[in-house]
Amino acid sequence: MLSLQPSDPLPGLRVRTNADWAAVQQAMQAGASLSPLLSLGDDAGLVWIPKNGCSSLKRAWLQLRFGVMANDALLDDVHGAVQVHNHWLRPEERKAVAQHRAIVAIWRDPIDRFVSACRSHLVELTTGRIVVKLCSHAGGDEEALQASLQFHQQLFSRHGVSSFSDDADPVAVMNQVAQQLPAWIPCHVDWSHHTLPQVSFLGGDPSDYSTILGMEQIQGLISHWAQASGVALDLAPQHVSQPLEAADPWRRLRRDQLTSEALATLEQFYAADWAFLELAQQQLGAWPAQQREVA
């Protein structure tokens, strides 16, 4: 078992390049559990999960860590700004870190989280968006572009999926993808990053955490950080899709647009997330009452 002293540097994988990022995501697609931890002082830490309020949490963390103001350019891309500071912990590393740090994380209803991912990222599965991304990666190299297009066509075919037409109905696409989610996970890194089960980031043992909170408690957590640190943090929630809803039908997707078949498939796919919550309530105290100090 890995043993750490409080003064030891934090372990974990570090992401410095696009290749590093892809390697972490591919490992998680293949079933690895990796927890992205941002340190909070010397004795606490945040494990963030995509679509679980991570924009608001990362924004607050950047303000805490660097003292940036709400209008600072560093906050224009909070995901990129924190990337170099993440420690992607393997299970044994997370357990060792938890011996000396109070780790907090946010859990979200898996269906709500899936729909949120659809609002922000489902359009990326359309043919036009995929081609644009591959063109960008090719950097003007036509041979590289053609090789990439062929690779993706073969990848999609192998998993029994295909990209959607640019004028496809977002509701129909959401329901189809919901029933093909295990096939789409290994086919698209950005998509899998936002739709992998939460246990891929949290691990399976809630006892590694001091506190597991719900989405409705994020503002309370950030307020606690502000009071404990004396730093005036921006408490405004980062609802990315809301300003874009009027002009973009992909941003208007809702949970009640899922069919019963899609819901049943998602419930099965995210069963481990519900099991984690049940175990966390047994070990850490029932929601919303918390029996431990919030990090």
C-alpha atoms as a PDB file:
ATOM      1  CA  MET A   1       0.000   0.000   0.000  1.00  0.00           C
ATOM      2  CA  LEU A   2       1.321   3.451  -0.905  1.00  0.00           C
ATOM      3  CA  SER A   3       2.290   5.547   2.115  1.00  0.00           C
ATOM      4  CA  LEU A   4       2.810   9.316   2.056  1.00  0.00           C
ATOM      5  CA  GLN A   5       3.906  11.871   4.606  1.00  0.00           C
ATOM      6  CA  PRO A   6       2.061  15.211   4.810  1.00  0.00           C
ATOM      7  CA  SER A   7       5.173  16.991   3.517  1.00  0.00           C
ATOM      8  CA  ASP A   8       5.562  14.722   0.469  1.00  0.00           C
ATOM      9  CA  PRO A   9       4.748  16.155  -2.969  1.00  0.00           C
ATOM     10  CA  LEU A  10       1.349  15.176  -4.312  1.00  0.00           C
ATOM     11  CA  PRO A  11       1.514  12.078  -6.531  1.00  0.00           C
ATOM     12  CA  GLY A  12      -0.456  11.447  -9.708  1.00  0.00           C
ATOM     13  CA  LEU A  13      -0.261  11.827 -13.443  1.00  0.00           C
ATOM     14  CA  ARG A  14       0.338  15.332 -14.786  1.00  0.00           C
ATOM     15  CA  VAL A  15      -0.968  16.737 -18.060  1.00  0.00           C
ATOM     16  CA  ARG A  16       1.438  19.042 -19.878  1.00  0.00           C
ATOM     17  CA  THR A  17       0.605  18.379 -23.529  1.00  0.00           C
ATOM     18  CA  ASN A  18      -2.336  17.356 -25.707  1.00  0.00           C
ATOM     19  CA  ALA A  19      -0.811  13.882 -25.895  1.00  0.00           C
ATOM     20  CA  ASP A  20      -0.790  13.681 -22.077  1.00  0.00           C
ATOM     21  CA  TRP A  21      -4.457  14.692 -22.010  1.00  0.00           C
ATOM     22  CA  ALA A  22      -5.421  12.116 -24.615  1.00  0.00           C
ATOM     23  CA  ALA A  23      -3.515   9.399 -22.738  1.00  0.00           C
ATOM     24  CA  VAL A  24      -5.410  10.114 -19.515  1.00  0.00           C
ATOM     25  CA  GLN A  25      -8.765  10.092 -21.296  1.00  0.00           C
ATOM     26  CA  GLN A  26      -7.999   6.891 -23.185  1.00  0.00           C
ATOM     27  CA  ALA A  27      -6.956   5.192 -19.963  1.00  0.00           C
ATOM     28  CA  MET A  28     -10.288   6.165 -18.405  1.00  0.00           C
ATOM     29  CA  GLN A  29     -12.190   5.002 -21.496  1.00  0.00           C
ATOM     30  CA  ALA A  30     -10.509   1.627 -20.974  1.00  0.00           C
ATOM     31  CA  GLY A  31     -11.753   1.470 -17.381  1.00  0.00           C
ATOM     32  CA  ALA A  32      -9.057   3.175 -15.309  1.00  0.00           C
ATOM     33  CA  SER A  33     -10.141   5.269 -12.328  1.00  0.00           C
ATOM     34  CA  LEU A  34      -8.274   8.592 -12.235  1.00  0.00           C
ATOM     35  CA  SER A  35      -9.279  11.390  -9.862  1.00  0.00           C
ATOM     36  CA  PRO A  36      -8.293  14.944 -10.873  1.00  0.00           C
ATOM     37  CA  LEU A  37      -7.334  16.633  -7.628  1.00  0.00           C
ATOM     38  CA  LEU A  38      -6.661  20.334  -7.082  1.00  0.00           C
ATOM     39  CA  SER A  39      -4.945  21.047  -3.785  1.00  0.00           C
ATOM     40  CA  LEU A  40      -6.563  23.405  -1.280  1.00  0.00           C
ATOM     41  CA  GLY A  41      -3.780  24.575   0.965  1.00  0.00           C
ATOM     42  CA  ASP A  42      -1.741  21.884   2.703  1.00  0.00           C
ATOM     43  CA  ASP A  43      -4.523  19.773   4.141  1.00  0.00           C
ATOM     44  CA  ALA A  44      -7.469  19.711   1.717  1.00  0.00           C
ATOM     45  CA  GLY A  45      -8.279  19.059  -1.917  1.00  0.00           C
ATOM     46  CA  LEU A  46     -11.024  19.133  -4.529  1.00  0.00           C
ATOM     47  CA  VAL A  47     -11.724  16.249  -6.895  1.00  0.00           C
ATOM     48  CA  TRP A  48     -13.671  17.818  -9.745  1.00  0.00           C
ATOM     49  CA  ILE A  49     -15.891  15.954 -12.205  1.00  0.00           C
ATOM     50  CA  PRO A  50     -16.879  17.251 -15.661  1.00  0.00           C
ATOM     51  CA  LYS A  51     -20.460  18.608 -15.720  1.00  0.00           C
ATOM     52  CA  ASN A  52     -20.622  18.646 -11.907  1.00  0.00           C
ATOM     53  CA  GLY A  53     -20.269  22.384 -11.541  1.00  0.00           C
ATOM     54  CA  CYS A  54     -16.584  22.163 -12.398  1.00  0.00           C
ATOM     55  CA  SER A  55     -16.525  25.543 -14.203  1.00  0.00           C
ATOM     56  CA  SER A  56     -17.744  27.337 -11.058  1.00  0.00           C
ATOM     57  CA  LEU A  57     -15.418  25.316  -8.820  1.00  0.00           C
ATOM     58  CA  LYS A  58     -12.352  25.830 -11.014  1.00  0.00           C
ATOM     59  CA  ARG A  59     -13.109  29.540 -11.270  1.00  0.00           C
ATOM     60  CA  ALA A  60     -13.222  29.799  -7.479  1.00  0.00           C
ATOM     61  CA  TRP A  61     -10.058  27.701  -7.131  1.00  0.00           C
ATOM     62  CA  LEU A  62      -8.132  29.985  -9.502  1.00  0.00           C
ATOM     63  CA  GLN A  63      -9.213  33.005  -7.483  1.00  0.00           C
ATOM     64  CA  LEU A  64      -8.113  31.298  -4.271  1.00  0.00           C
ATOM     65  CA  ARG A  65      -4.799  30.089  -5.663  1.00  0.00           C
ATOM     66  CA  PHE A  66      -3.700  33.154  -7.603  1.00  0.00           C
ATOM     67  CA  GLY A  67      -5.831  35.956  -6.193  1.00  0.00           C
ATOM     68  CA  VAL A  68      -7.196  36.799  -9.631  1.00  0.00           C
ATOM     69  CA  MET A  69     -10.138  39.165  -9.963  1.00  0.00           C
ATOM     70  CA  ALA A  70     -13.473  38.147 -11.488  1.00  0.00           C
ATOM     71  CA  ASN A  71     -12.636  39.857 -14.796  1.00  0.00           C
ATOM     72  CA  ASP A  72      -9.086  38.477 -15.099  1.00  0.00           C
ATOM     73  CA  ALA A  73      -8.155  36.935 -18.472  1.00  0.00           C
ATOM     74  CA  LEU A  74      -7.016  33.787 -16.662  1.00  0.00           C
ATOM     75  CA  LEU A  75     -10.688  33.012 -16.053  1.00  0.00           C
ATOM     76  CA  ASP A  76     -11.558  33.073 -19.774  1.00  0.00           C
ATOM     77  CA  ASP A  77     -10.575  29.383 -20.004  1.00  0.00           C
ATOM     78  CA  VAL A  78     -10.720  27.946 -16.512  1.00  0.00           C
ATOM     79  CA  HIS A  79     -10.333  24.367 -17.759  1.00  0.00           C
ATOM     80  CA  GLY A  80      -7.093  25.140 -19.548  1.00  0.00           C
ATOM     81  CA  ALA A  81      -5.847  27.340 -16.719  1.00  0.00           C
ATOM     82  CA  VAL A  82      -6.062  24.593 -14.067  1.00  0.00           C
ATOM     83  CA  GLN A  83      -4.825  21.781 -16.295  1.00  0.00           C
ATOM     84  CA  VAL A  84      -1.184  22.023 -15.274  1.00  0.00           C
ATOM     85  CA  HIS A  85      -2.191  22.053 -11.598  1.00  0.00           C
ATOM     86  CA  ASN A  86      -4.261  18.849 -11.670  1.00  0.00           C
ATOM     87  CA  HIS A  87      -2.945  15.690 -10.060  1.00  0.00           C
ATOM     88  CA  TRP A  88      -4.684  12.703 -11.683  1.00  0.00           C
ATOM     89  CA  LEU A  89      -4.654  10.221  -8.822  1.00  0.00           C
ATOM     90  CA  ARG A  90      -4.799   6.453  -9.221  1.00  0.00           C
ATOM     91  CA  PRO A  91      -6.872   4.646  -6.550  1.00  0.00           C
ATOM     92  CA  GLU A  92      -3.917   3.845  -4.279  1.00  0.00           C
ATOM     93  CA  GLU A  93      -2.647   7.423  -4.618  1.00  0.00           C
ATOM     94  CA  ARG A  94      -6.069   8.861  -3.781  1.00  0.00           C
ATOM     95  CA  LYS A  95      -6.228   6.716  -0.633  1.00  0.00           C
ATOM     96  CA  ALA A  96      -2.729   7.791   0.425  1.00  0.00           C
ATOM     97  CA  VAL A  97      -3.524  11.475  -0.140  1.00  0.00           C
ATOM     98  CA  ALA A  98      -6.788  11.111   1.789  1.00  0.00           C
ATOM     99  CA  GLN A  99      -4.810  10.162   4.909  1.00  0.00           C
ATOM    100  CA  HIS A 100      -3.528  13.748   5.145  1.00  0.00           C
ATOM    101  CA  ARG A 101      -6.055  15.819   3.203  1.00  0.00           C
ATOM    102  CA  ALA A 102      -9.792  16.372   3.553  1.00  0.00           C
ATOM    103  CA  ILE A 103     -11.021  15.703   0.013  1.00  0.00           C
ATOM    104  CA  VAL A 104     -14.356  17.064  -1.193  1.00  0.00           C
ATOM    105  CA  ALA A 105     -16.253  16.235  -4.394  1.00  0.00           C
ATOM    106  CA  ILE A 106     -19.615  16.942  -5.997  1.00  0.00           C
ATOM    107  CA  TRP A 107     -22.053  14.180  -6.987  1.00  0.00           C
ATOM    108  CA  ARG A 108     -24.787  14.863  -9.570  1.00  0.00           C
ATOM    109  CA  ASP A 109     -27.895  12.996 -10.690  1.00  0.00           C
ATOM    110  CA  PRO A 110     -26.467  10.955 -13.607  1.00  0.00           C
ATOM    111  CA  ILE A 111     -29.389  11.636 -15.946  1.00  0.00           C
ATOM    112  CA  ASP A 112     -29.238  15.393 -15.329  1.00  0.00           C
ATOM    113  CA  ARG A 113     -25.491  15.233 -15.923  1.00  0.00           C
ATOM    114  CA  PHE A 114     -25.946  13.366 -19.219  1.00  0.00           C
ATOM    115  CA  VAL A 115     -28.466  15.942 -20.463  1.00  0.00           C
ATOM    116  CA  SER A 116     -26.117  18.747 -19.459  1.00  0.00           C
ATOM    117  CA  ALA A 117     -23.359  17.062 -21.474  1.00  0.00           C
ATOM    118  CA  CYS A 118     -25.750  16.863 -24.425  1.00  0.00           C
ATOM    119  CA  ARG A 119     -26.510  20.580 -24.228  1.00  0.00           C
ATOM    120  CA  SER A 120     -22.841  21.514 -24.378  1.00  0.00           C
ATOM    121  CA  HIS A 121     -21.193  18.717 -26.391  1.00  0.00           C
ATOM    122  CA  LEU A 122     -23.689  16.591 -28.336  1.00  0.00           C
ATOM    123  CA  VAL A 123     -23.317  18.747 -31.465  1.00  0.00           C
ATOM    124  CA  GLU A 124     -19.688  17.594 -31.596  1.00  0.00           C
ATOM    125  CA  LEU A 125     -20.945  14.224 -32.859  1.00  0.00           C
ATOM    126  CA  THR A 126     -22.251  15.765 -36.084  1.00  0.00           C
ATOM    127  CA  THR A 127     -20.255  15.222 -39.262  1.00  0.00           C
ATOM    128  CA  GLY A 128     -19.442  18.872 -39.814  1.00  0.00           C
ATOM    129  CA  ARG A 129     -18.088  19.416 -36.309  1.00  0.00           C
ATOM    130  CA  ILE A 130     -15.989  16.250 -36.459  1.00  0.00           C
ATOM    131  CA  VAL A 131     -14.466  17.256 -39.787  1.00  0.00           C
ATOM    132  CA  VAL A 132     -13.720  20.763 -38.501  1.00  0.00           C
ATOM    133  CA  LYS A 133     -11.924  19.320 -35.473  1.00  0.00           C
ATOM    134  CA  LEU A 134      -9.904  16.889 -37.578  1.00  0.00           C
ATOM    135  CA  CYS A 135      -8.963  19.695 -39.990  1.00  0.00           C
ATOM    136  CA  SER A 136      -7.744  21.751 -37.070  1.00  0.00           C
ATOM    137  CA  HIS A 137      -5.628  18.887 -35.783  1.00  0.00           C
ATOM    138  CA  ALA A 138      -4.199  18.247 -39.262  1.00  0.00           C
ATOM    139  CA  GLY A 139      -2.991  21.835 -39.478  1.00  0.00           C
ATOM    140  CA  GLY A 140      -3.287  22.035 -43.251  1.00  0.00           C
ATOM    141  CA  ASP A 141      -1.667  18.649 -43.914  1.00  0.00           C
ATOM    142  CA  GLU A 142      -4.076  17.048 -46.406  1.00  0.00           C
ATOM    143  CA  GLU A 143      -2.476  13.623 -46.098  1.00  0.00           C
ATOM    144  CA  ALA A 144      -2.790  13.708 -42.320  1.00  0.00           C
ATOM    145  CA  LEU A 145      -6.416  14.835 -42.621  1.00  0.00           C
ATOM    146  CA  GLN A 146      -7.340  11.978 -44.948  1.00  0.00           C
ATOM    147  CA  ALA A 147      -5.616   9.463 -42.676  1.00  0.00           C
ATOM    148  CA  SER A 148      -7.498  10.863 -39.678  1.00  0.00           C
ATOM    149  CA  LEU A 149     -10.834  10.753 -41.499  1.00  0.00           C
ATOM    150  CA  GLN A 150     -10.224   7.150 -42.478  1.00  0.00           C
ATOM    151  CA  PHE A 151      -9.198   6.210 -38.944  1.00  0.00           C
ATOM    152  CA  HIS A 152     -12.373   7.721 -37.472  1.00  0.00           C
ATOM    153  CA  GLN A 153     -14.588   6.098 -40.074  1.00  0.00           C
ATOM    154  CA  GLN A 154     -13.104   2.713 -39.227  1.00  0.00           C
ATOM    155  CA  LEU A 155     -13.334   3.427 -35.481  1.00  0.00           C
ATOM    156  CA  PHE A 156     -17.000   4.384 -35.702  1.00  0.00           C
ATOM    157  CA  SER A 157     -17.775   1.392 -37.888  1.00  0.00           C
ATOM    158  CA  ARG A 158     -16.055  -0.957 -35.447  1.00  0.00           C
ATOM    159  CA  HIS A 159     -18.260   0.293 -32.617  1.00  0.00           C
ATOM    160  CA  GLY A 160     -21.439   0.398 -34.675  1.00  0.00           C
ATOM    161  CA  VAL A 161     -21.982   4.164 -34.639  1.00  0.00           C
ATOM    162  CA  SER A 162     -21.813   6.934 -37.210  1.00  0.00           C
ATOM    163  CA  SER A 163     -21.726  10.721 -37.070  1.00  0.00           C
ATOM    164  CA  PHE A 164     -25.011  12.610 -37.385  1.00  0.00           C
ATOM    165  CA  SER A 165     -26.008  14.952 -40.175  1.00  0.00           C
ATOM    166  CA  ASP A 166     -25.440  18.628 -39.493  1.00  0.00           C
ATOM    167  CA  ASP A 167     -29.194  19.326 -39.644  1.00  0.00           C
ATOM    168  CA  ALA A 168     -30.209  16.405 -37.423  1.00  0.00           C
ATOM    169  CA  ASP A 169     -32.884  16.915 -34.775  1.00  0.00           C
ATOM    170  CA  PRO A 170     -31.049  17.388 -31.445  1.00  0.00           C
ATOM    171  CA  VAL A 171     -33.768  15.558 -29.485  1.00  0.00           C
ATOM    172  CA  ALA A 172     -33.581  12.523 -31.761  1.00  0.00           C
ATOM    173  CA  VAL A 173     -29.783  12.539 -31.571  1.00  0.00           C
ATOM    174  CA  MET A 174     -29.847  12.741 -27.767  1.00  0.00           C
ATOM    175  CA  ASN A 175     -32.133   9.731 -27.505  1.00  0.00           C
ATOM    176  CA  GLN A 176     -30.147   7.695 -29.992  1.00  0.00           C
ATOM    177  CA  VAL A 177     -26.839   8.457 -28.293  1.00  0.00           C
ATOM    178  CA  ALA A 178     -28.340   7.633 -24.892  1.00  0.00           C
ATOM    179  CA  GLN A 179     -28.993   4.111 -26.144  1.00  0.00           C
ATOM    180  CA  GLN A 180     -25.522   3.868 -27.744  1.00  0.00           C
ATOM    181  CA  LEU A 181     -23.484   5.452 -24.969  1.00  0.00           C
ATOM    182  CA  PRO A 182     -21.132   2.494 -24.333  1.00  0.00           C
ATOM    183  CA  ALA A 183     -20.296   2.522 -28.063  1.00  0.00           C
ATOM    184  CA  TRP A 184     -19.714   6.275 -28.236  1.00  0.00           C
ATOM    185  CA  ILE A 185     -17.423   6.419 -25.174  1.00  0.00           C
ATOM    186  CA  PRO A 186     -14.333   4.983 -26.962  1.00  0.00           C
ATOM    187  CA  CYS A 187     -15.025   6.918 -30.167  1.00  0.00           C
ATOM    188  CA  HIS A 188     -14.770  10.550 -29.083  1.00  0.00           C
ATOM    189  CA  VAL A 189     -12.427  11.841 -26.356  1.00  0.00           C
ATOM    190  CA  ASP A 190     -14.252  15.103 -25.600  1.00  0.00           C
ATOM    191  CA  TRP A 191     -17.598  13.312 -25.481  1.00  0.00           C
ATOM    192  CA  SER A 192     -16.355  10.518 -23.223  1.00  0.00           C
ATOM    193  CA  HIS A 193     -14.743  13.034 -20.863  1.00  0.00           C
ATOM    194  CA  HIS A 194     -18.172  14.489 -20.117  1.00  0.00           C
ATOM    195  CA  THR A 195     -20.245  11.286 -20.081  1.00  0.00           C
ATOM    196  CA  LEU A 196     -18.069   8.664 -18.378  1.00  0.00           C
ATOM    197  CA  PRO A 197     -19.684   7.551 -15.107  1.00  0.00           C
ATOM    198  CA  GLN A 198     -18.787   9.704 -12.129  1.00  0.00           C
ATOM    199  CA  VAL A 199     -17.105   6.737 -10.449  1.00  0.00           C
ATOM    200  CA  SER A 200     -14.449   6.906 -13.183  1.00  0.00           C
ATOM    201  CA  PHE A 201     -13.372  10.149 -11.483  1.00  0.00           C
ATOM    202  CA  LEU A 202     -14.445   9.454  -7.897  1.00  0.00           C
ATOM    203  CA  GLY A 203     -13.383   5.828  -7.645  1.00  0.00           C
ATOM    204  CA  GLY A 204     -15.569   3.333  -5.849  1.00  0.00           C
ATOM    205  CA  ASP A 205     -14.804   4.043  -2.189  1.00  0.00           C
ATOM    206  CA  PRO A 206     -16.508   7.089  -0.608  1.00  0.00           C
ATOM    207  CA  SER A 207     -14.339   6.712   2.502  1.00  0.00           C
ATOM    208  CA  ASP A 208     -11.537   8.421   0.554  1.00  0.00           C
ATOM    209  CA  TYR A 209     -13.562  11.634   0.878  1.00  0.00           C
ATOM    210  CA  SER A 210     -14.241  13.933   3.786  1.00  0.00           C
ATOM    211  CA  THR A 211     -17.439  15.183   2.183  1.00  0.00           C
ATOM    212  CA  ILE A 212     -19.565  14.390  -0.862  1.00  0.00           C
ATOM    213  CA  LEU A 213     -21.897  17.258  -1.734  1.00  0.00           C
ATOM    214  CA  GLY A 214     -24.745  17.735  -4.184  1.00  0.00           C
ATOM    215  CA  MET A 215     -24.981  20.249  -7.018  1.00  0.00           C
ATOM    216  CA  GLU A 216     -27.276  22.457  -4.939  1.00  0.00           C
ATOM    217  CA  GLN A 217     -24.492  22.824  -2.351  1.00  0.00           C
ATOM    218  CA  ILE A 218     -21.780  24.206  -4.655  1.00  0.00           C
ATOM    219  CA  GLN A 219     -22.431  27.845  -3.786  1.00  0.00           C
ATOM    220  CA  GLY A 220     -22.316  26.982  -0.100  1.00  0.00           C
ATOM    221  CA  LEU A 221     -18.967  25.255  -0.584  1.00  0.00           C
ATOM    222  CA  ILE A 222     -17.495  28.239  -2.449  1.00  0.00           C
ATOM    223  CA  SER A 223     -18.877  30.576   0.210  1.00  0.00           C
ATOM    224  CA  HIS A 224     -17.151  28.436   2.848  1.00  0.00           C
ATOM    225  CA  TRP A 225     -13.858  28.731   0.947  1.00  0.00           C
ATOM    226  CA  ALA A 226     -14.300  32.505   0.805  1.00  0.00           C
ATOM    227  CA  GLN A 227     -14.956  32.782   4.542  1.00  0.00           C
ATOM    228  CA  ALA A 228     -12.106  30.455   5.487  1.00  0.00           C
ATOM    229  CA  SER A 229      -9.576  32.185   3.217  1.00  0.00           C
ATOM    230  CA  GLY A 230     -10.710  35.786   3.523  1.00  0.00           C
ATOM    231  CA  VAL A 231     -10.717  36.010  -0.280  1.00  0.00           C
ATOM    232  CA  ALA A 232     -13.764  37.633  -1.915  1.00  0.00           C
ATOM    233  CA  LEU A 233     -14.758  34.939  -4.421  1.00  0.00           C
ATOM    234  CA  ASP A 234     -17.121  35.347  -7.366  1.00  0.00           C
ATOM    235  CA  LEU A 235     -20.136  33.260  -6.344  1.00  0.00           C
ATOM    236  CA  ALA A 236     -22.048  33.592  -9.633  1.00  0.00           C
ATOM    237  CA  PRO A 237     -22.932  30.131 -11.053  1.00  0.00           C
ATOM    238  CA  GLN A 238     -21.404  29.428 -14.464  1.00  0.00           C
ATOM    239  CA  HIS A 239     -24.453  28.318 -16.503  1.00  0.00           C
ATOM    240  CA  VAL A 240     -22.732  28.134 -19.883  1.00  0.00           C
ATOM    241  CA  SER A 241     -25.715  27.035 -21.980  1.00  0.00           C
ATOM    242  CA  GLN A 242     -28.294  29.567 -20.780  1.00  0.00           C
ATOM    243  CA  PRO A 243     -27.118  32.598 -22.814  1.00  0.00           C
ATOM    244  CA  LEU A 244     -27.003  30.453 -25.966  1.00  0.00           C
ATOM    245  CA  GLU A 245     -30.396  28.761 -25.727  1.00  0.00           C
ATOM    246  CA  ALA A 246     -32.332  31.172 -27.937  1.00  0.00           C
ATOM    247  CA  ALA A 247     -30.087  30.757 -30.970  1.00  0.00           C
ATOM    248  CA  ASP A 248     -28.948  27.138 -30.561  1.00  0.00           C
ATOM    249  CA  PRO A 249     -31.442  24.233 -30.321  1.00  0.00           C
ATOM    250  CA  TRP A 250     -28.672  21.931 -29.040  1.00  0.00           C
ATOM    251  CA  ARG A 251     -28.481  24.160 -25.954  1.00  0.00           C
ATOM    252  CA  ARG A 252     -32.202  23.716 -25.214  1.00  0.00           C
ATOM    253  CA  LEU A 253     -32.210  19.958 -24.633  1.00  0.00           C
ATOM    254  CA  ARG A 254     -34.134  18.808 -21.543  1.00  0.00           C
ATOM    255  CA  ARG A 255     -34.453  15.691 -19.450  1.00  0.00           C
ATOM    256  CA  ASP A 256     -38.177  15.353 -20.197  1.00  0.00           C
ATOM    257  CA  GLN A 257     -37.312  14.879 -23.890  1.00  0.00           C
ATOM    258  CA  LEU A 258     -35.693  11.515 -23.166  1.00  0.00           C
ATOM    259  CA  THR A 259     -37.796   8.499 -24.108  1.00  0.00           C
ATOM    260  CA  SER A 260     -38.552   5.744 -21.608  1.00  0.00           C
ATOM    261  CA  GLU A 261     -36.187   3.458 -23.527  1.00  0.00           C
ATOM    262  CA  ALA A 262     -33.372   6.018 -23.349  1.00  0.00           C
ATOM    263  CA  LEU A 263     -33.971   6.591 -19.637  1.00  0.00           C
ATOM    264  CA  ALA A 264     -33.859   2.861 -18.915  1.00  0.00           C
ATOM    265  CA  THR A 265     -30.587   2.510 -20.803  1.00  0.00           C
ATOM    266  CA  LEU A 266     -29.026   5.447 -18.966  1.00  0.00           C
ATOM    267  CA  GLU A 267     -30.167   4.140 -15.569  1.00  0.00           C
ATOM    268  CA  GLN A 268     -28.374   0.877 -16.311  1.00  0.00           C
ATOM    269  CA  PHE A 269     -25.246   2.562 -17.680  1.00  0.00           C
ATOM    270  CA  TYR A 270     -24.917   4.816 -14.621  1.00  0.00           C
ATOM    271  CA  ALA A 271     -25.904   2.205 -12.018  1.00  0.00           C
ATOM    272  CA  ALA A 272     -22.463   2.421 -10.386  1.00  0.00           C
ATOM    273  CA  ASP A 273     -22.948   6.152  -9.771  1.00  0.00           C
ATOM    274  CA  TRP A 274     -26.181   5.518  -7.884  1.00  0.00           C
ATOM    275  CA  ALA A 275     -24.472   2.735  -5.911  1.00  0.00           C
ATOM    276  CA  PHE A 276     -21.652   5.128  -4.985  1.00  0.00           C
ATOM    277  CA  LEU A 277     -24.168   7.663  -3.650  1.00  0.00           C
ATOM    278  CA  GLU A 278     -25.923   5.035  -1.561  1.00  0.00           C
ATOM    279  CA  LEU A 279     -22.613   3.893  -0.077  1.00  0.00           C
ATOM    280  CA  ALA A 280     -21.523   7.507   0.512  1.00  0.00           C
ATOM    281  CA  GLN A 281     -24.746   8.209   2.431  1.00  0.00           C
ATOM    282  CA  GLN A 282     -24.034   5.196   4.637  1.00  0.00           C
ATOM    283  CA  GLN A 283     -20.398   6.104   5.275  1.00  0.00           C
ATOM    284  CA  LEU A 284     -20.428   9.906   5.316  1.00  0.00           C
ATOM    285  CA  GLY A 285     -23.946  10.737   6.470  1.00  0.00           C
ATOM    286  CA  ALA A 286     -27.134  11.286   4.515  1.00  0.00           C
ATOM    287  CA  TRP A 287     -27.618  14.236   2.217  1.00  0.00           C
ATOM    288  CA  PRO A 288     -27.921  17.144   2.735  1.00  0.00           C
ATOM    289  CA  ALA A 289     -26.853  16.861   6.391  1.00  0.00           C
ATOM    290  CA  GLN A 290     -23.078  16.548   6.582  1.00  0.00           C
ATOM    291  CA  GLN A 291     -21.376  15.044   9.592  1.00  0.00           C
ATOM    292  CA  ARG A 292     -17.869  16.138   8.657  1.00  0.00           C
ATOM    293  CA  GLU A 293     -16.217  19.487   8.119  1.00  0.00           C
ATOM    294  CA  VAL A 294     -16.328  20.652   4.508  1.00  0.00           C
ATOM    295  CA  ALA A 295     -12.841  21.044   3.069  1.00  0.00           C
END
